[in-house]
Amino acid sequence: MKRNDCIIRKEKSGDYSGIREINHRAFENGENEAKLVELIRASEHYHPDLSLVAVKDDGEVIGHILFSIINLVTEQGTVPTLGLAPMAVKPDYQNSGIGSDLVNKGIKTCKALGYQHIFVLDHPNFYPRFGFSPASQFGIDSPFPVPDEVFMALELKTGSLYGLQGKIEYPPAFNAVS
């Protein structure tokens, strides 16, 4: 996938410092986001195929997206699912479509690996264009007290959230940085 002379691919260990820099520069509290990526990467919630980078032809990492395994806790039991967090693009490259390319490639990758749904806690004006809608529409609650419109879900398989009312449970890494 190319855009602005960059490719989207799985992260490699040589990308780690670039990913850390992106999160530092892209977020107001970038140290927390950088630490979150590192904690997830070191946990059983990490799937190496679900950490993607946007890389320029010269090797510079200019974007990153991470999907990790989280749980949907229901009355019937716990259902593994995915959380999208964080997604960041270097400030100089924001608003150029790289973030959208990362999300699109990530969704395709998650679907190809057999995952059925993704949850995100983020911008309600950005993620709906990819099919995300408020998780409350599926009867699923956020573990955090947030406005309804910022906690969203995407069914990768139509109907896969039907009857799974419950609450999302994020891994300990998310509590370590909040």
Protein backbone atom coordinates (compact mmCIF):
# COMPACT_ATOMS: atom_id res chain seq x y z
CA MET A 1 0.00 0.00 0.00
CA LYS A 2 1.58 3.27 -1.09
CA ARG A 3 0.68 6.87 -0.38
CA ASN A 4 2.98 9.84 -0.26
CA ASP A 5 5.91 7.55 -1.05
CA CYS A 6 5.35 5.29 1.94
CA ILE A 7 4.45 1.67 2.47
CA ILE A 8 2.37 0.07 5.23
CA ARG A 9 3.91 -3.08 6.69
CA LYS A 10 4.32 -5.06 9.91
CA GLU A 11 6.60 -3.45 12.46
CA LYS A 12 10.13 -4.77 12.86
CA SER A 13 12.36 -4.44 15.92
CA GLY A 14 14.33 -1.76 14.09
CA ASP A 15 11.16 0.37 14.01
CA TYR A 16 10.72 0.55 17.79
CA SER A 17 12.57 3.85 18.33
CA GLY A 18 10.71 5.43 15.40
CA ILE A 19 7.38 4.28 16.83
CA ARG A 20 8.32 5.75 20.22
CA GLU A 21 9.21 9.08 18.56
CA ILE A 22 5.93 9.17 16.62
CA ASN A 23 3.88 8.71 19.78
CA HIS A 24 5.91 11.35 21.63
CA ARG A 25 5.36 13.88 18.87
CA ALA A 26 1.77 13.03 17.93
CA PHE A 27 0.17 13.03 21.38
CA GLU A 28 0.02 15.68 24.06
CA ASN A 29 1.00 13.06 26.64
CA GLY A 30 3.12 11.05 24.23
CA GLU A 31 5.14 9.26 26.89
CA ASN A 32 1.99 7.42 28.01
CA GLU A 33 1.18 6.31 24.45
CA ALA A 34 4.78 5.22 23.81
CA LYS A 35 4.81 3.28 27.09
CA LEU A 36 1.45 1.68 26.23
CA VAL A 37 2.85 0.32 22.95
CA GLU A 38 5.89 -1.09 24.76
CA LEU A 39 3.84 -2.69 27.55
CA ILE A 40 1.45 -4.30 25.07
CA ARG A 41 4.35 -5.51 22.92
CA ALA A 42 5.81 -7.23 26.01
CA SER A 43 2.50 -8.91 26.94
CA GLU A 44 0.40 -11.88 25.84
CA HIS A 45 -2.08 -9.37 24.35
CA TYR A 46 0.33 -8.52 21.53
CA HIS A 47 -0.05 -10.05 18.07
CA PRO A 48 3.00 -9.23 15.89
CA ASP A 49 0.94 -9.08 12.70
CA LEU A 50 -1.27 -6.35 14.18
CA SER A 51 1.34 -3.67 14.77
CA LEU A 52 1.72 -1.81 11.48
CA VAL A 53 3.93 1.06 10.41
CA ALA A 54 3.90 3.57 7.58
CA VAL A 55 7.46 3.87 6.31
CA LYS A 56 8.91 6.26 3.74
CA ASP A 57 11.17 4.97 0.99
CA ASP A 58 14.21 6.12 2.99
CA GLY A 59 13.13 3.96 5.98
CA GLU A 60 11.74 6.75 8.15
CA VAL A 61 8.78 5.54 10.22
CA ILE A 62 6.05 8.19 9.91
CA GLY A 63 2.98 6.34 11.20
CA HIS A 64 1.99 3.47 13.47
CA ILE A 65 -1.17 1.58 14.42
CA LEU A 66 -1.56 -1.15 17.03
CA PHE A 67 -4.37 -3.63 17.51
CA SER A 68 -4.14 -5.79 20.63
CA ILE A 69 -6.20 -8.54 22.16
CA ILE A 70 -8.76 -7.34 24.71
CA ASN A 71 -11.79 -9.03 26.27
CA LEU A 72 -15.52 -8.57 26.01
CA VAL A 73 -16.94 -9.79 29.31
CA THR A 74 -20.52 -11.03 28.94
CA GLU A 75 -22.93 -13.01 31.13
CA GLN A 76 -22.19 -16.02 28.91
CA GLY A 77 -18.43 -15.70 29.35
CA THR A 78 -15.42 -13.83 28.07
CA VAL A 79 -15.01 -13.26 24.33
CA PRO A 80 -11.59 -12.28 22.93
CA THR A 81 -11.71 -9.27 20.64
CA LEU A 82 -9.39 -6.48 19.48
CA GLY A 83 -8.70 -2.98 20.68
CA LEU A 84 -7.27 -0.34 18.36
CA ALA A 85 -4.86 1.83 20.31
CA PRO A 86 -2.86 3.80 19.70
CA MET A 87 -2.72 5.11 16.15
CA ALA A 88 -0.35 7.96 15.44
CA VAL A 89 1.18 9.83 12.53
CA LYS A 90 4.12 12.23 12.76
CA PRO A 91 2.76 15.79 12.87
CA ASP A 92 4.41 16.77 9.56
CA TYR A 93 2.48 13.98 7.81
CA GLN A 94 -0.90 14.32 9.50
CA ASN A 95 -3.97 15.06 7.36
CA SER A 96 -2.35 13.44 4.31
CA GLY A 97 -4.27 10.14 4.40
CA ILE A 98 -1.60 8.08 6.13
CA GLY A 99 -3.76 7.55 9.23
CA SER A 100 -6.64 6.38 7.03
CA ASP A 101 -4.31 4.03 5.17
CA LEU A 102 -3.11 2.57 8.49
CA VAL A 103 -6.69 2.03 9.69
CA ASN A 104 -7.80 0.47 6.39
CA LYS A 105 -4.80 -1.86 6.17
CA GLY A 106 -5.19 -2.75 9.85
CA ILE A 107 -8.89 -3.62 9.46
CA LYS A 108 -8.09 -5.82 6.44
CA THR A 109 -5.32 -7.56 8.38
CA CYS A 110 -7.54 -8.16 11.44
CA LYS A 111 -10.26 -9.60 9.23
CA ALA A 112 -7.80 -11.83 7.33
CA LEU A 113 -6.57 -13.23 10.66
CA GLY A 114 -10.13 -14.23 11.56
CA TYR A 115 -10.96 -11.60 14.16
CA GLN A 116 -14.62 -10.67 14.26
CA HIS A 117 -14.69 -7.23 15.90
CA ILE A 118 -12.60 -4.23 16.91
CA PHE A 119 -13.17 -1.61 19.61
CA VAL A 120 -11.71 1.88 19.74
CA LEU A 121 -11.87 4.72 22.24
CA ASP A 122 -11.07 7.79 20.17
CA HIS A 123 -12.23 10.53 17.79
CA PRO A 124 -15.94 10.18 16.91
CA ASN A 125 -15.42 12.24 13.74
CA PHE A 126 -12.67 10.00 12.35
CA TYR A 127 -13.48 6.33 12.95
CA PRO A 128 -17.10 6.20 11.70
CA ARG A 129 -15.80 6.59 8.12
CA PHE A 130 -14.33 3.07 8.53
CA GLY A 131 -17.61 1.60 9.78
CA PHE A 132 -17.18 2.13 13.52
CA SER A 133 -20.30 3.10 15.48
CA PRO A 134 -21.00 3.62 19.19
CA ALA A 135 -20.48 0.32 21.03
CA SER A 136 -23.61 1.07 23.05
CA GLN A 137 -25.62 0.23 19.91
CA PHE A 138 -24.50 -3.37 20.48
CA GLY A 139 -25.15 -3.23 24.23
CA ILE A 140 -21.43 -3.04 25.02
CA ASP A 141 -20.06 -0.67 27.64
CA SER A 142 -16.67 0.98 27.98
CA PRO A 143 -14.69 0.24 31.13
CA PHE A 144 -14.04 3.97 31.41
CA PRO A 145 -16.53 6.80 32.03
CA VAL A 146 -16.48 8.37 28.55
CA PRO A 147 -19.07 9.96 26.26
CA ASP A 148 -21.05 7.37 24.32
CA GLU A 149 -19.87 8.57 20.90
CA VAL A 150 -16.13 8.10 21.61
CA PHE A 151 -16.29 4.38 22.47
CA MET A 152 -16.92 2.57 19.20
CA ALA A 153 -17.12 -0.92 17.75
CA LEU A 154 -16.71 -2.40 14.29
CA GLU A 155 -18.07 -5.79 13.30
CA LEU A 156 -15.62 -7.44 10.89
CA LYS A 157 -18.17 -10.21 10.48
CA THR A 158 -21.75 -8.97 10.22
CA GLY A 159 -23.80 -9.94 13.27
CA SER A 160 -20.76 -11.07 15.27
CA LEU A 161 -21.67 -8.82 18.22
CA TYR A 162 -25.31 -9.88 18.27
CA GLY A 163 -26.29 -11.11 21.74
CA LEU A 164 -22.90 -10.30 23.29
CA GLN A 165 -23.98 -7.50 25.62
CA GLY A 166 -21.35 -6.78 28.22
CA LYS A 167 -18.34 -4.66 29.05
CA ILE A 168 -14.91 -4.39 27.49
CA GLU A 169 -11.95 -5.25 29.68
CA TYR A 170 -8.59 -3.81 28.65
CA PRO A 171 -5.31 -5.50 29.62
CA PRO A 172 -3.26 -4.19 32.59
CA ALA A 173 -1.03 -2.19 30.21
CA PHE A 174 -3.85 0.32 29.73
CA ASN A 175 -4.18 0.90 33.49
CA ALA A 176 -0.43 1.35 33.84
CA VAL A 177 -0.49 4.45 31.65
CA SER A 178 -3.80 6.11 32.50
